[in-house]
Amino acid sequence: MAHGSSPAAWSAVLLCLAGMTLAGVSLIPTPNWTLFWIGIAVIAISGIVGHVMASAGLGVDRSGHH
């Protein structure tokens, strides 16, 4: 069982981490709301990218065949 270890999963997770990092850093020491919302958008886009990549065949095969 691959437990989600696929190019789609890795891409989604790395994009999400990049978005969280950007959003978090943009609040230090004073808030930069433009960068914060860009980070939030990257987080939202990461889920879409993961789903699209999985639909394109880059996700884990859930059919039960090896």
N, C-alpha and C. Protein backbone atom coordinates (compact mmCIF):
# COMPACT_ATOMS: atom_id res chain seq x y z
N MET A 1 0.84 -1.18 0.00
CA MET A 1 0.00 0.00 0.00
C MET A 1 0.89 1.24 0.00
N ALA A 2 0.57 2.20 -0.83
CA ALA A 2 1.44 3.36 -1.01
C ALA A 2 1.17 4.48 -0.02
N HIS A 3 0.02 4.49 0.65
CA HIS A 3 -0.34 5.50 1.65
C HIS A 3 -0.26 6.92 1.10
N GLY A 4 -0.64 7.11 -0.15
CA GLY A 4 -0.70 8.45 -0.71
C GLY A 4 0.62 8.99 -1.20
N SER A 5 1.67 8.19 -1.17
CA SER A 5 2.97 8.65 -1.63
C SER A 5 3.00 8.62 -3.15
N SER A 6 2.67 9.75 -3.75
CA SER A 6 2.59 9.86 -5.20
C SER A 6 3.00 11.27 -5.60
N PRO A 7 3.31 11.49 -6.87
CA PRO A 7 3.63 12.84 -7.32
C PRO A 7 2.51 13.84 -7.01
N ALA A 8 1.26 13.41 -7.14
CA ALA A 8 0.13 14.31 -6.85
C ALA A 8 0.12 14.71 -5.37
N ALA A 9 0.30 13.74 -4.50
CA ALA A 9 0.29 14.02 -3.06
C ALA A 9 1.47 14.89 -2.65
N TRP A 10 2.64 14.57 -3.13
CA TRP A 10 3.83 15.36 -2.79
C TRP A 10 3.70 16.79 -3.29
N SER A 11 3.21 16.96 -4.49
CA SER A 11 3.05 18.32 -5.03
C SER A 11 2.05 19.12 -4.21
N ALA A 12 0.93 18.50 -3.85
CA ALA A 12 -0.08 19.19 -3.06
C ALA A 12 0.46 19.57 -1.68
N VAL A 13 1.16 18.66 -1.05
CA VAL A 13 1.70 18.94 0.28
C VAL A 13 2.76 20.04 0.24
N LEU A 14 3.66 19.97 -0.73
CA LEU A 14 4.71 20.98 -0.82
C LEU A 14 4.14 22.35 -1.15
N LEU A 15 3.14 22.42 -2.03
CA LEU A 15 2.49 23.70 -2.32
C LEU A 15 1.79 24.24 -1.07
N CYS A 16 1.12 23.37 -0.34
CA CYS A 16 0.43 23.79 0.88
C CYS A 16 1.43 24.32 1.92
N LEU A 17 2.54 23.62 2.08
CA LEU A 17 3.56 24.09 3.02
C LEU A 17 4.15 25.42 2.59
N ALA A 18 4.36 25.60 1.29
CA ALA A 18 4.88 26.88 0.80
C ALA A 18 3.88 27.99 1.08
N GLY A 19 2.59 27.72 0.86
CA GLY A 19 1.56 28.72 1.13
C GLY A 19 1.47 29.07 2.61
N MET A 20 1.55 28.06 3.48
CA MET A 20 1.50 28.31 4.92
C MET A 20 2.72 29.11 5.37
N THR A 21 3.88 28.77 4.82
CA THR A 21 5.10 29.49 5.17
C THR A 21 4.98 30.95 4.75
N LEU A 22 4.55 31.19 3.51
CA LEU A 22 4.39 32.56 3.03
C LEU A 22 3.39 33.33 3.87
N ALA A 23 2.25 32.72 4.15
CA ALA A 23 1.22 33.39 4.95
C ALA A 23 1.74 33.70 6.36
N GLY A 24 2.45 32.75 6.95
CA GLY A 24 2.97 32.96 8.30
C GLY A 24 4.05 34.02 8.37
N VAL A 25 4.99 33.96 7.44
CA VAL A 25 6.10 34.91 7.43
C VAL A 25 5.60 36.32 7.11
N SER A 26 4.55 36.41 6.32
CA SER A 26 4.04 37.73 5.95
C SER A 26 3.44 38.49 7.13
N LEU A 27 3.20 37.80 8.22
CA LEU A 27 2.64 38.44 9.41
C LEU A 27 3.70 38.92 10.39
N ILE A 28 4.97 38.67 10.08
CA ILE A 28 6.07 39.02 10.99
C ILE A 28 6.92 40.11 10.36
N PRO A 29 7.37 41.15 10.99
CA PRO A 29 6.95 41.64 12.31
C PRO A 29 5.66 42.43 12.26
N THR A 30 5.33 42.99 11.10
CA THR A 30 4.03 43.66 10.93
C THR A 30 3.33 42.99 9.76
N PRO A 31 2.02 42.90 9.81
CA PRO A 31 1.29 42.19 8.76
C PRO A 31 1.42 42.82 7.37
N ASN A 32 1.73 41.99 6.40
CA ASN A 32 1.68 42.36 4.99
C ASN A 32 0.51 41.56 4.42
N TRP A 33 -0.66 42.19 4.39
CA TRP A 33 -1.88 41.47 4.07
C TRP A 33 -1.90 40.96 2.64
N THR A 34 -1.23 41.63 1.72
CA THR A 34 -1.19 41.16 0.34
C THR A 34 -0.49 39.81 0.26
N LEU A 35 0.69 39.70 0.87
CA LEU A 35 1.41 38.42 0.86
C LEU A 35 0.66 37.35 1.64
N PHE A 36 0.00 37.76 2.71
CA PHE A 36 -0.78 36.81 3.49
C PHE A 36 -1.85 36.16 2.63
N TRP A 37 -2.62 36.97 1.89
CA TRP A 37 -3.70 36.43 1.07
C TRP A 37 -3.18 35.66 -0.13
N ILE A 38 -2.00 36.02 -0.63
CA ILE A 38 -1.38 35.21 -1.68
C ILE A 38 -1.04 33.83 -1.12
N GLY A 39 -0.52 33.77 0.11
CA GLY A 39 -0.23 32.49 0.75
C GLY A 39 -1.49 31.66 0.94
N ILE A 40 -2.58 32.31 1.34
CA ILE A 40 -3.85 31.60 1.50
C ILE A 40 -4.33 31.05 0.15
N ALA A 41 -4.16 31.83 -0.91
CA ALA A 41 -4.55 31.38 -2.25
C ALA A 41 -3.72 30.17 -2.67
N VAL A 42 -2.42 30.18 -2.36
CA VAL A 42 -1.55 29.04 -2.70
C VAL A 42 -2.02 27.80 -1.95
N ILE A 43 -2.44 27.96 -0.70
CA ILE A 43 -2.97 26.82 0.06
C ILE A 43 -4.20 26.25 -0.62
N ALA A 44 -5.11 27.12 -1.04
CA ALA A 44 -6.34 26.66 -1.71
C ALA A 44 -6.01 25.99 -3.04
N ILE A 45 -5.08 26.56 -3.78
CA ILE A 45 -4.71 26.02 -5.08
C ILE A 45 -4.03 24.65 -4.94
N SER A 46 -3.35 24.42 -3.82
CA SER A 46 -2.64 23.15 -3.63
C SER A 46 -3.60 21.96 -3.67
N GLY A 47 -4.77 22.12 -3.10
CA GLY A 47 -5.75 21.04 -3.14
C GLY A 47 -6.25 20.78 -4.55
N ILE A 48 -6.45 21.85 -5.30
CA ILE A 48 -6.90 21.71 -6.69
C ILE A 48 -5.82 21.03 -7.52
N VAL A 49 -4.57 21.45 -7.34
CA VAL A 49 -3.46 20.86 -8.10
C VAL A 49 -3.35 19.37 -7.79
N GLY A 50 -3.44 19.01 -6.52
CA GLY A 50 -3.37 17.59 -6.14
C GLY A 50 -4.48 16.78 -6.78
N HIS A 51 -5.69 17.32 -6.77
CA HIS A 51 -6.82 16.61 -7.37
C HIS A 51 -6.66 16.46 -8.88
N VAL A 52 -6.24 17.53 -9.56
CA VAL A 52 -6.05 17.48 -11.01
C VAL A 52 -4.94 16.50 -11.37
N MET A 53 -3.84 16.52 -10.62
CA MET A 53 -2.75 15.59 -10.90
C MET A 53 -3.18 14.14 -10.66
N ALA A 54 -3.96 13.91 -9.60
CA ALA A 54 -4.45 12.56 -9.33
C ALA A 54 -5.39 12.10 -10.44
N SER A 55 -6.22 13.01 -10.92
CA SER A 55 -7.13 12.69 -12.02
C SER A 55 -6.37 12.39 -13.31
N ALA A 56 -5.19 12.99 -13.45
CA ALA A 56 -4.36 12.77 -14.63
C ALA A 56 -3.56 11.48 -14.53
N GLY A 57 -3.73 10.72 -13.45
CA GLY A 57 -3.05 9.44 -13.32
C GLY A 57 -1.78 9.49 -12.50
N LEU A 58 -1.53 10.61 -11.83
CA LEU A 58 -0.30 10.73 -11.03
C LEU A 58 -0.55 10.50 -9.54
N GLY A 59 -1.73 10.02 -9.20
CA GLY A 59 -2.06 9.73 -7.81
C GLY A 59 -1.89 8.26 -7.51
N VAL A 60 -2.32 7.86 -6.33
CA VAL A 60 -2.25 6.47 -5.91
C VAL A 60 -3.36 5.69 -6.60
N ASP A 61 -3.02 4.49 -7.10
CA ASP A 61 -4.02 3.61 -7.72
C ASP A 61 -4.87 2.99 -6.62
N ARG A 62 -6.14 3.34 -6.56
CA ARG A 62 -7.02 2.85 -5.50
C ARG A 62 -7.87 1.67 -5.97
N SER A 63 -7.56 1.12 -7.14
CA SER A 63 -8.38 0.02 -7.66
C SER A 63 -8.08 -1.31 -6.97
N GLY A 64 -6.99 -1.37 -6.22
CA GLY A 64 -6.63 -2.61 -5.55
C GLY A 64 -5.71 -3.48 -6.35
N HIS A 65 -5.41 -3.08 -7.59
CA HIS A 65 -4.47 -3.84 -8.41
C HIS A 65 -3.06 -3.33 -8.19
N HIS A 66 -2.10 -4.24 -8.27
CA HIS A 66 -0.71 -3.85 -8.05
C HIS A 66 -0.01 -3.68 -9.34
